[in-house]
């Protein structure tokens, strides 16, 4: 009886191990599906998260850029956090600053010629350098887009309502703000 259980356990363990992987699995070339008709759509939102992981996001950003180039003014693009991997925006003299800027620049390039509204929200990776890192990231993005109303919620607040037009508002919540260690970031 014990021998049977041992054999079954080894088999189950081998089966589960065969399904394991040691690397992230990403779609190599994203497939973009277009709705049959967008004639009745008054406003569109494009949402993208984790765009700061430049090793895997280049194909996605290229596909997004092709859609945004033909998007109308009645469109918003929201970067949903983790804009800079692995630890947010470092100080200007840091050896990692070039990589961080490159990561953000790839995302900013997508917005070139985009007629709609651009919004960046921080994620947990953006918070790794605290409020100072968020401020550096916000300043860099707003300087390069020449718009000081693109990084939300403002002033590292956790929640903010943004009026898109006379009929649409969105509520942005920075959930990482609630999860942060307030002893490490007492100015929250």
C-alpha atoms as a PDB file:
ATOM      1  CA  UNK A   1       0.000   0.000   0.000  1.00  0.00           C
ATOM      2  CA  UNK A   2       2.773   2.484   0.919  1.00  0.00           C
ATOM      3  CA  UNK A   3       4.653   1.573  -2.256  1.00  0.00           C
ATOM      4  CA  UNK A   4       1.629   2.570  -4.363  1.00  0.00           C
ATOM      5  CA  UNK A   5       1.342   5.961  -2.656  1.00  0.00           C
ATOM      6  CA  UNK A   6       5.067   6.561  -3.117  1.00  0.00           C
ATOM      7  CA  UNK A   7       4.878   5.775  -6.851  1.00  0.00           C
ATOM      8  CA  UNK A   8       1.820   8.025  -7.289  1.00  0.00           C
ATOM      9  CA  UNK A   9       3.529  10.855  -5.387  1.00  0.00           C
ATOM     10  CA  UNK A  10       6.684  10.611  -7.500  1.00  0.00           C
ATOM     11  CA  UNK A  11       4.613  10.550 -10.691  1.00  0.00           C
ATOM     12  CA  UNK A  12       2.590  13.597  -9.586  1.00  0.00           C
ATOM     13  CA  UNK A  13       5.752  15.476  -8.615  1.00  0.00           C
ATOM     14  CA  UNK A  14       7.374  14.673 -11.974  1.00  0.00           C
ATOM     15  CA  UNK A  15       4.227  15.764 -13.822  1.00  0.00           C
ATOM     16  CA  UNK A  16       4.064  19.094 -11.991  1.00  0.00           C
ATOM     17  CA  UNK A  17       7.786  19.673 -12.485  1.00  0.00           C
ATOM     18  CA  UNK A  18       7.427  19.072 -16.223  1.00  0.00           C
ATOM     19  CA  UNK A  19       5.039  22.035 -16.395  1.00  0.00           C
ATOM     20  CA  UNK A  20       7.388  24.408 -14.559  1.00  0.00           C
ATOM     21  CA  UNK A  21       9.299  27.191 -16.251  1.00  0.00           C
ATOM     22  CA  UNK A  22      12.152  29.341 -15.021  1.00  0.00           C
ATOM     23  CA  UNK A  23      11.573  32.372 -17.203  1.00  0.00           C
ATOM     24  CA  UNK A  24       8.724  34.697 -17.986  1.00  0.00           C
ATOM     25  CA  UNK A  25       6.679  33.682 -20.970  1.00  0.00           C
ATOM     26  CA  UNK A  26       5.772  36.561 -23.248  1.00  0.00           C
ATOM     27  CA  UNK A  27       4.063  36.694 -26.573  1.00  0.00           C
ATOM     28  CA  UNK A  28       6.823  37.415 -29.072  1.00  0.00           C
ATOM     29  CA  UNK A  29       4.688  39.358 -31.510  1.00  0.00           C
ATOM     30  CA  UNK A  30       1.453  40.827 -30.127  1.00  0.00           C
ATOM     31  CA  UNK A  31      -1.703  40.311 -32.092  1.00  0.00           C
ATOM     32  CA  UNK A  32      -3.926  43.362 -32.297  1.00  0.00           C
ATOM     33  CA  UNK A  33      -7.578  42.695 -32.905  1.00  0.00           C
ATOM     34  CA  UNK A  34      -9.678  45.530 -34.232  1.00  0.00           C
ATOM     35  CA  UNK A  35     -13.371  45.842 -33.531  1.00  0.00           C
ATOM     36  CA  UNK A  36     -15.587  45.563 -36.573  1.00  0.00           C
ATOM     37  CA  UNK A  37     -16.883  49.122 -36.346  1.00  0.00           C
ATOM     38  CA  UNK A  38     -15.820  52.051 -34.223  1.00  0.00           C
ATOM     39  CA  UNK A  39     -18.305  54.486 -35.762  1.00  0.00           C
ATOM     40  CA  UNK A  40     -20.481  54.574 -32.648  1.00  0.00           C
ATOM     41  CA  UNK A  41     -17.609  55.007 -30.169  1.00  0.00           C
ATOM     42  CA  UNK A  42     -17.489  58.512 -28.710  1.00  0.00           C
ATOM     43  CA  UNK A  43     -14.302  58.083 -26.704  1.00  0.00           C
ATOM     44  CA  UNK A  44     -11.562  55.448 -26.537  1.00  0.00           C
ATOM     45  CA  UNK A  45      -9.042  54.486 -23.857  1.00  0.00           C
ATOM     46  CA  UNK A  46      -5.790  52.640 -24.436  1.00  0.00           C
ATOM     47  CA  UNK A  47      -4.387  51.090 -21.258  1.00  0.00           C
ATOM     48  CA  UNK A  48      -0.874  49.694 -20.940  1.00  0.00           C
ATOM     49  CA  UNK A  49       0.943  48.477 -17.846  1.00  0.00           C
ATOM     50  CA  UNK A  50       4.488  47.332 -17.135  1.00  0.00           C
ATOM     51  CA  UNK A  51       5.732  49.210 -20.188  1.00  0.00           C
ATOM     52  CA  UNK A  52       8.986  49.982 -18.397  1.00  0.00           C
ATOM     53  CA  UNK A  53      10.342  46.468 -18.795  1.00  0.00           C
ATOM     54  CA  UNK A  54      12.111  47.280 -22.034  1.00  0.00           C
ATOM     55  CA  UNK A  55      13.267  43.712 -22.703  1.00  0.00           C
ATOM     56  CA  UNK A  56       9.709  42.628 -23.413  1.00  0.00           C
ATOM     57  CA  UNK A  57       7.755  45.784 -24.157  1.00  0.00           C
ATOM     58  CA  UNK A  58       9.277  46.920 -27.477  1.00  0.00           C
ATOM     59  CA  UNK A  59       6.918  44.829 -29.634  1.00  0.00           C
ATOM     60  CA  UNK A  60       3.954  45.934 -27.569  1.00  0.00           C
ATOM     61  CA  UNK A  61       4.930  49.603 -27.735  1.00  0.00           C
ATOM     62  CA  UNK A  62       5.382  49.355 -31.515  1.00  0.00           C
ATOM     63  CA  UNK A  63       1.923  47.821 -31.911  1.00  0.00           C
ATOM     64  CA  UNK A  64       0.440  50.478 -29.633  1.00  0.00           C
ATOM     65  CA  UNK A  65       2.168  53.252 -31.606  1.00  0.00           C
ATOM     66  CA  UNK A  66       0.618  51.993 -34.843  1.00  0.00           C
ATOM     67  CA  UNK A  67      -2.846  52.248 -33.270  1.00  0.00           C
ATOM     68  CA  UNK A  68      -2.234  55.647 -31.669  1.00  0.00           C
ATOM     69  CA  UNK A  69      -1.006  57.179 -34.918  1.00  0.00           C
ATOM     70  CA  UNK A  70      -4.515  56.851 -36.332  1.00  0.00           C
ATOM     71  CA  UNK A  71      -6.382  57.580 -33.090  1.00  0.00           C
ATOM     72  CA  UNK A  72      -8.614  60.626 -32.844  1.00  0.00           C
ATOM     73  CA  UNK A  73      -8.457  63.452 -30.336  1.00  0.00           C
ATOM     74  CA  UNK A  74     -11.211  61.652 -28.408  1.00  0.00           C
ATOM     75  CA  UNK A  75      -8.743  59.124 -27.059  1.00  0.00           C
ATOM     76  CA  UNK A  76      -6.757  58.724 -23.863  1.00  0.00           C
ATOM     77  CA  UNK A  77      -3.615  56.679 -23.307  1.00  0.00           C
ATOM     78  CA  UNK A  78      -3.001  55.514 -19.750  1.00  0.00           C
ATOM     79  CA  UNK A  79       0.332  54.064 -18.645  1.00  0.00           C
ATOM     80  CA  UNK A  80      -0.735  51.998 -15.644  1.00  0.00           C
ATOM     81  CA  UNK A  81       2.497  51.901 -13.684  1.00  0.00           C
ATOM     82  CA  UNK A  82       5.845  50.147 -13.552  1.00  0.00           C
ATOM     83  CA  UNK A  83       7.056  52.715 -16.031  1.00  0.00           C
ATOM     84  CA  UNK A  84      10.708  52.221 -15.039  1.00  0.00           C
ATOM     85  CA  UNK A  85      12.242  48.861 -14.143  1.00  0.00           C
ATOM     86  CA  UNK A  86      13.613  47.717 -11.844  1.00  0.00           C
ATOM     87  CA  UNK A  87      13.512  50.510  -9.253  1.00  0.00           C
ATOM     88  CA  UNK A  88      12.038  53.736 -10.594  1.00  0.00           C
ATOM     89  CA  UNK A  89      13.865  56.944 -11.542  1.00  0.00           C
ATOM     90  CA  UNK A  90      17.324  57.230  -9.950  1.00  0.00           C
ATOM     91  CA  UNK A  91      19.192  60.470  -9.289  1.00  0.00           C
ATOM     92  CA  UNK A  92      20.819  62.178 -12.278  1.00  0.00           C
ATOM     93  CA  UNK A  93      24.346  61.123 -11.299  1.00  0.00           C
ATOM     94  CA  UNK A  94      23.392  57.460 -10.831  1.00  0.00           C
ATOM     95  CA  UNK A  95      24.883  54.802 -13.111  1.00  0.00           C
ATOM     96  CA  UNK A  96      21.334  53.476 -13.696  1.00  0.00           C
ATOM     97  CA  UNK A  97      19.926  56.825 -14.798  1.00  0.00           C
ATOM     98  CA  UNK A  98      20.611  56.232 -18.513  1.00  0.00           C
ATOM     99  CA  UNK A  99      18.691  52.929 -18.494  1.00  0.00           C
ATOM    100  CA  UNK A 100      15.780  54.525 -16.629  1.00  0.00           C
ATOM    101  CA  UNK A 101      15.603  57.418 -19.087  1.00  0.00           C
ATOM    102  CA  UNK A 102      15.783  54.991 -22.002  1.00  0.00           C
ATOM    103  CA  UNK A 103      12.862  53.044 -20.560  1.00  0.00           C
ATOM    104  CA  UNK A 104      10.729  56.169 -20.213  1.00  0.00           C
ATOM    105  CA  UNK A 105      11.859  57.546 -23.576  1.00  0.00           C
ATOM    106  CA  UNK A 106      10.571  54.388 -25.286  1.00  0.00           C
ATOM    107  CA  UNK A 107       7.160  55.087 -23.784  1.00  0.00           C
ATOM    108  CA  UNK A 108       7.273  58.797 -24.560  1.00  0.00           C
ATOM    109  CA  UNK A 109       8.102  58.007 -28.200  1.00  0.00           C
ATOM    110  CA  UNK A 110       4.757  56.220 -28.471  1.00  0.00           C
ATOM    111  CA  UNK A 111       2.994  59.491 -27.647  1.00  0.00           C
ATOM    112  CA  UNK A 112       4.653  61.455 -30.449  1.00  0.00           C
ATOM    113  CA  UNK A 113       1.958  62.680 -32.877  1.00  0.00           C
ATOM    114  CA  UNK A 114      -0.755  61.274 -30.588  1.00  0.00           C
ATOM    115  CA  UNK A 115      -3.685  63.709 -30.552  1.00  0.00           C
ATOM    116  CA  UNK A 116      -5.322  62.467 -27.360  1.00  0.00           C
ATOM    117  CA  UNK A 117      -4.680  62.797 -23.643  1.00  0.00           C
ATOM    118  CA  UNK A 118      -1.703  61.028 -22.004  1.00  0.00           C
ATOM    119  CA  UNK A 119      -1.744  59.913 -18.368  1.00  0.00           C
ATOM    120  CA  UNK A 120       1.014  58.177 -16.383  1.00  0.00           C
ATOM    121  CA  UNK A 121       0.279  56.413 -13.096  1.00  0.00           C
ATOM    122  CA  UNK A 122       3.078  55.052 -10.870  1.00  0.00           C
ATOM    123  CA  UNK A 123       3.351  51.366 -10.018  1.00  0.00           C
ATOM    124  CA  UNK A 124       5.231  49.516  -7.316  1.00  0.00           C
ATOM    125  CA  UNK A 125       8.529  49.631  -9.265  1.00  0.00           C
ATOM    126  CA  UNK A 126       8.178  53.405  -9.614  1.00  0.00           C
ATOM    127  CA  UNK A 127       7.793  53.673  -5.838  1.00  0.00           C
ATOM    128  CA  UNK A 128      11.031  51.801  -5.025  1.00  0.00           C
ATOM    129  CA  UNK A 129      12.955  55.082  -4.765  1.00  0.00           C
ATOM    130  CA  UNK A 130      10.306  56.681  -2.575  1.00  0.00           C
ATOM    131  CA  UNK A 131       8.645  60.037  -3.049  1.00  0.00           C
ATOM    132  CA  UNK A 132      11.877  61.561  -4.351  1.00  0.00           C
ATOM    133  CA  UNK A 133      12.027  58.949  -7.119  1.00  0.00           C
ATOM    134  CA  UNK A 134       8.390  59.586  -8.023  1.00  0.00           C
ATOM    135  CA  UNK A 135       9.082  63.312  -8.185  1.00  0.00           C
ATOM    136  CA  UNK A 136      12.088  62.736 -10.467  1.00  0.00           C
ATOM    137  CA  UNK A 137       9.998  60.486 -12.724  1.00  0.00           C
ATOM    138  CA  UNK A 138       7.107  62.945 -12.802  1.00  0.00           C
ATOM    139  CA  UNK A 139       9.418  65.885 -13.569  1.00  0.00           C
ATOM    140  CA  UNK A 140      11.168  63.971 -16.355  1.00  0.00           C
ATOM    141  CA  UNK A 141       7.926  62.889 -18.031  1.00  0.00           C
ATOM    142  CA  UNK A 142       6.247  66.289 -17.732  1.00  0.00           C
ATOM    143  CA  UNK A 143       9.351  68.124 -18.992  1.00  0.00           C
ATOM    144  CA  UNK A 144       9.648  65.870 -22.040  1.00  0.00           C
ATOM    145  CA  UNK A 145       5.941  66.010 -22.874  1.00  0.00           C
ATOM    146  CA  UNK A 146       5.889  69.759 -22.135  1.00  0.00           C
ATOM    147  CA  UNK A 147       2.780  69.207 -20.048  1.00  0.00           C
ATOM    148  CA  UNK A 148       2.621  69.337 -16.264  1.00  0.00           C
ATOM    149  CA  UNK A 149      -0.674  67.472 -16.081  1.00  0.00           C
ATOM    150  CA  UNK A 150       0.244  63.957 -17.186  1.00  0.00           C
ATOM    151  CA  UNK A 151       1.535  62.223 -14.021  1.00  0.00           C
ATOM    152  CA  UNK A 152      -1.235  61.307 -11.597  1.00  0.00           C
ATOM    153  CA  UNK A 153      -2.288  61.204  -8.864  1.00  0.00           C
ATOM    154  CA  UNK A 154      -0.669  64.583  -8.220  1.00  0.00           C
ATOM    155  CA  UNK A 155       1.735  65.189  -5.351  1.00  0.00           C
ATOM    156  CA  UNK A 156       1.898  61.453  -4.555  1.00  0.00           C
ATOM    157  CA  UNK A 157      -1.694  61.482  -3.344  1.00  0.00           C
ATOM    158  CA  UNK A 158      -3.498  58.139  -3.536  1.00  0.00           C
ATOM    159  CA  UNK A 159      -6.621  59.107  -5.453  1.00  0.00           C
ATOM    160  CA  UNK A 160      -7.638  61.750  -7.945  1.00  0.00           C
ATOM    161  CA  UNK A 161     -10.524  62.414 -10.285  1.00  0.00           C
ATOM    162  CA  UNK A 162      -9.572  63.524 -13.800  1.00  0.00           C
ATOM    163  CA  UNK A 163     -12.123  65.148 -16.046  1.00  0.00           C
ATOM    164  CA  UNK A 164     -11.646  63.800 -19.568  1.00  0.00           C
ATOM    165  CA  UNK A 165     -14.447  65.783 -21.178  1.00  0.00           C
ATOM    166  CA  UNK A 166     -17.877  67.131 -20.231  1.00  0.00           C
ATOM    167  CA  UNK A 167     -19.318  63.610 -19.984  1.00  0.00           C
ATOM    168  CA  UNK A 168     -16.402  61.451 -18.850  1.00  0.00           C
ATOM    169  CA  UNK A 169     -14.312  61.492 -15.701  1.00  0.00           C
ATOM    170  CA  UNK A 170     -11.968  58.812 -14.473  1.00  0.00           C
ATOM    171  CA  UNK A 171     -10.862  58.147 -10.942  1.00  0.00           C
ATOM    172  CA  UNK A 172      -7.191  57.234 -10.670  1.00  0.00           C
ATOM    173  CA  UNK A 173      -6.096  55.245  -7.642  1.00  0.00           C
ATOM    174  CA  UNK A 174      -2.454  54.664  -6.802  1.00  0.00           C
ATOM    175  CA  UNK A 175      -2.894  51.443  -4.839  1.00  0.00           C
ATOM    176  CA  UNK A 176       0.839  51.274  -4.093  1.00  0.00           C
ATOM    177  CA  UNK A 177       0.458  54.425  -1.980  1.00  0.00           C
ATOM    178  CA  UNK A 178      -1.668  52.395   0.438  1.00  0.00           C
ATOM    179  CA  UNK A 179       0.845  49.539   0.506  1.00  0.00           C
ATOM    180  CA  UNK A 180       3.935  51.679   1.090  1.00  0.00           C
ATOM    181  CA  UNK A 181       5.879  51.550   4.335  1.00  0.00           C
ATOM    182  CA  UNK A 182       5.012  54.904   5.841  1.00  0.00           C
ATOM    183  CA  UNK A 183       8.015  54.712   8.158  1.00  0.00           C
ATOM    184  CA  UNK A 184      10.296  54.694   5.082  1.00  0.00           C
ATOM    185  CA  UNK A 185       8.265  57.471   3.428  1.00  0.00           C
ATOM    186  CA  UNK A 186       7.106  59.704   6.299  1.00  0.00           C
ATOM    187  CA  UNK A 187       6.240  62.566   3.925  1.00  0.00           C
ATOM    188  CA  UNK A 188       3.368  60.575   2.426  1.00  0.00           C
END
